[in-house]
Amino acid sequence: MSTETSKTVQDVMCKDVAWVAPATSLIEVAKKMQDSDCGCILVGENDRLTGVITDRDIVLRCIAAGKSLDQCTASDTMTAKVLYCLQSDTLDSVAQNMADNQVRRLVVLDDNKRMVGIVSLGDVACSSVSESVTGSALGEICRSDMKKAA
């Protein structure tokens, strides 16, 4: 097996992950996204991950719904079902996981089910893994976005 295909999530994941409490206002969430230069913030309390909120969630669940940013909280807008992968997973399997679930990011857990980072499709694509799997994952996600936009 070549070193290219044996890369794991741990090799490319972001370990510096932004968190907010469920009661955090969306204005604060958006500012944290801006400060962290990211489109995804984890929501948690008492050392427990309760959800994830993306810039898309803010647009669709708050702004497009006619709600006020200062009246909505992270818990009002987050996705409670958090998709994840393990830090030991191969990048090809993570790309396929993202394609199957039509998502761009996955929370990364260690063997003890503790959150240790986040991995994005961009992280996977920028590593030198199989372009066919990464390209396929990106294609599936983009097709999903086009269907949702229609």
Protein backbone atom coordinates (compact mmCIF):
# COMPACT_ATOMS: atom_id res chain seq x y z
CA MET A 1 0.00 0.00 0.00
CA SER A 2 1.42 3.40 -0.94
CA THR A 3 1.80 6.20 1.57
CA GLU A 4 -0.60 8.31 -0.49
CA THR A 5 -3.60 6.04 0.12
CA SER A 6 -2.67 5.21 3.70
CA LYS A 7 -3.16 8.79 4.92
CA THR A 8 -5.73 9.03 7.65
CA VAL A 9 -8.04 11.74 8.90
CA GLN A 10 -5.59 12.47 11.71
CA ASP A 11 -3.03 13.55 9.09
CA VAL A 12 -5.23 16.33 7.63
CA MET A 13 -7.89 17.27 10.19
CA CYS A 14 -8.17 20.64 11.89
CA LYS A 15 -7.56 20.29 15.62
CA ASP A 16 -8.44 23.88 16.53
CA VAL A 17 -12.24 23.65 16.48
CA ALA A 18 -14.54 26.50 17.48
CA TRP A 19 -17.31 25.83 20.02
CA VAL A 20 -20.31 27.77 21.29
CA ALA A 21 -22.91 27.12 23.97
CA PRO A 22 -26.47 26.31 22.83
CA ALA A 23 -27.76 29.69 24.10
CA THR A 24 -25.26 31.68 22.00
CA SER A 25 -26.94 34.19 19.69
CA LEU A 26 -26.52 33.72 15.96
CA ILE A 27 -24.82 37.10 15.74
CA GLU A 28 -22.13 35.77 18.10
CA VAL A 29 -21.96 32.51 16.13
CA ALA A 30 -21.47 34.42 12.87
CA LYS A 31 -18.77 36.60 14.44
CA LYS A 32 -17.00 33.48 15.71
CA MET A 33 -17.17 31.99 12.20
CA GLN A 34 -15.66 35.20 10.84
CA ASP A 35 -12.92 35.32 13.48
CA SER A 36 -12.10 31.64 12.96
CA ASP A 37 -12.42 31.88 9.16
CA CYS A 38 -14.66 28.85 9.07
CA GLY A 39 -18.18 27.96 7.98
CA CYS A 40 -18.95 25.53 10.78
CA ILE A 41 -19.15 25.85 14.56
CA LEU A 42 -19.76 23.04 17.01
CA VAL A 43 -22.41 23.47 19.70
CA GLY A 44 -21.88 21.90 23.09
CA GLU A 45 -22.22 22.17 26.81
CA ASN A 46 -20.88 20.32 29.83
CA ASP A 47 -18.15 18.73 27.70
CA ARG A 48 -20.80 17.21 25.43
CA LEU A 49 -21.31 17.88 21.72
CA THR A 50 -24.99 18.67 21.12
CA GLY A 51 -24.98 19.86 17.53
CA VAL A 52 -23.29 21.63 14.66
CA ILE A 53 -24.18 24.89 12.98
CA THR A 54 -23.03 25.95 9.53
CA ASP A 55 -23.23 29.23 7.68
CA ARG A 56 -25.84 27.53 5.47
CA ASP A 57 -27.92 26.65 8.55
CA ILE A 58 -27.95 30.31 9.56
CA VAL A 59 -29.11 31.40 6.11
CA LEU A 60 -31.79 28.75 5.65
CA ARG A 61 -33.14 28.32 9.16
CA CYS A 62 -32.99 31.92 10.30
CA ILE A 63 -32.58 34.55 7.60
CA ALA A 64 -34.64 32.86 4.87
CA ALA A 65 -37.30 32.00 7.47
CA GLY A 66 -37.62 35.71 8.28
CA LYS A 67 -36.28 35.40 11.81
CA SER A 68 -34.06 37.95 13.52
CA LEU A 69 -30.41 36.99 14.01
CA ASP A 70 -30.34 38.51 17.47
CA GLN A 71 -33.38 36.48 18.55
CA CYS A 72 -32.19 33.09 17.29
CA THR A 73 -29.73 30.96 19.21
CA ALA A 74 -27.32 28.24 18.19
CA SER A 75 -29.68 25.58 19.56
CA ASP A 76 -32.57 27.02 17.49
CA THR A 77 -30.57 26.73 14.30
CA MET A 78 -28.13 23.84 14.74
CA THR A 79 -28.33 20.36 13.30
CA ALA A 80 -28.61 18.00 16.25
CA LYS A 81 -27.60 14.91 14.27
CA VAL A 82 -23.83 15.18 14.20
CA LEU A 83 -22.12 13.08 11.57
CA TYR A 84 -18.62 11.93 12.41
CA CYS A 85 -15.66 9.82 11.44
CA LEU A 86 -12.73 8.37 13.37
CA GLN A 87 -9.27 9.89 13.28
CA SER A 88 -7.94 6.52 12.11
CA ASP A 89 -10.27 6.37 9.06
CA THR A 90 -8.65 6.54 5.63
CA LEU A 91 -9.24 9.65 3.57
CA ASP A 92 -10.86 7.62 0.81
CA SER A 93 -13.42 6.22 3.25
CA VAL A 94 -14.10 9.69 4.69
CA ALA A 95 -14.59 11.13 1.19
CA GLN A 96 -17.08 8.34 0.49
CA ASN A 97 -18.83 8.99 3.85
CA MET A 98 -19.18 12.67 2.91
CA ALA A 99 -20.55 11.76 -0.52
CA ASP A 100 -23.02 9.26 0.91
CA ASN A 101 -24.32 11.81 3.44
CA GLN A 102 -23.91 14.81 1.11
CA VAL A 103 -21.96 16.87 3.64
CA ARG A 104 -18.76 18.88 3.45
CA ARG A 105 -17.51 18.37 7.01
CA LEU A 106 -17.34 15.64 9.62
CA VAL A 107 -16.53 15.82 13.30
CA VAL A 108 -13.51 13.66 14.11
CA LEU A 109 -13.57 11.33 17.13
CA ASP A 110 -10.79 9.34 18.74
CA ASP A 111 -11.09 5.70 19.81
CA ASN A 112 -12.74 6.81 23.07
CA LYS A 113 -15.46 8.72 21.15
CA ARG A 114 -13.98 12.08 22.23
CA MET A 115 -14.04 14.92 19.72
CA VAL A 116 -10.51 15.67 18.55
CA GLY A 117 -11.09 17.77 15.44
CA ILE A 118 -13.03 18.37 12.28
CA VAL A 119 -12.26 17.39 8.71
CA SER A 120 -13.59 19.10 5.61
CA LEU A 121 -13.89 17.96 2.03
CA GLY A 122 -11.28 20.62 1.26
CA ASP A 123 -8.87 18.99 3.75
CA VAL A 124 -9.38 15.67 2.00
CA ALA A 125 -9.11 17.16 -1.49
CA CYS A 126 -5.92 19.07 -0.66
CA SER A 127 -4.17 15.94 0.54
CA SER A 128 -2.77 13.81 -2.25
CA VAL A 129 -5.32 11.02 -2.06
CA SER A 130 -7.18 9.32 -4.83
CA GLU A 131 -8.62 12.07 -6.99
CA SER A 132 -11.36 9.77 -8.26
CA VAL A 133 -12.84 9.24 -4.77
CA THR A 134 -12.46 12.86 -3.71
CA GLY A 135 -13.80 14.10 -7.03
CA SER A 136 -16.72 11.70 -6.78
CA ALA A 137 -17.50 12.91 -3.26
CA LEU A 138 -17.38 16.53 -4.38
CA GLY A 139 -19.59 15.74 -7.36
CA GLU A 140 -22.22 14.06 -5.16
CA ILE A 141 -22.27 16.96 -2.72
CA CYS A 142 -22.51 19.55 -5.51
CA ARG A 143 -25.36 17.63 -7.18
CA SER A 144 -27.16 17.57 -3.84
CA ASP A 145 -26.71 21.34 -3.45
CA MET A 146 -28.10 21.92 -6.95
CA LYS A 147 -31.19 19.81 -6.15
CA LYS A 148 -31.73 21.70 -2.89
CA ALA A 149 -31.38 25.04 -4.67
CA ALA A 150 -33.94 24.08 -7.33
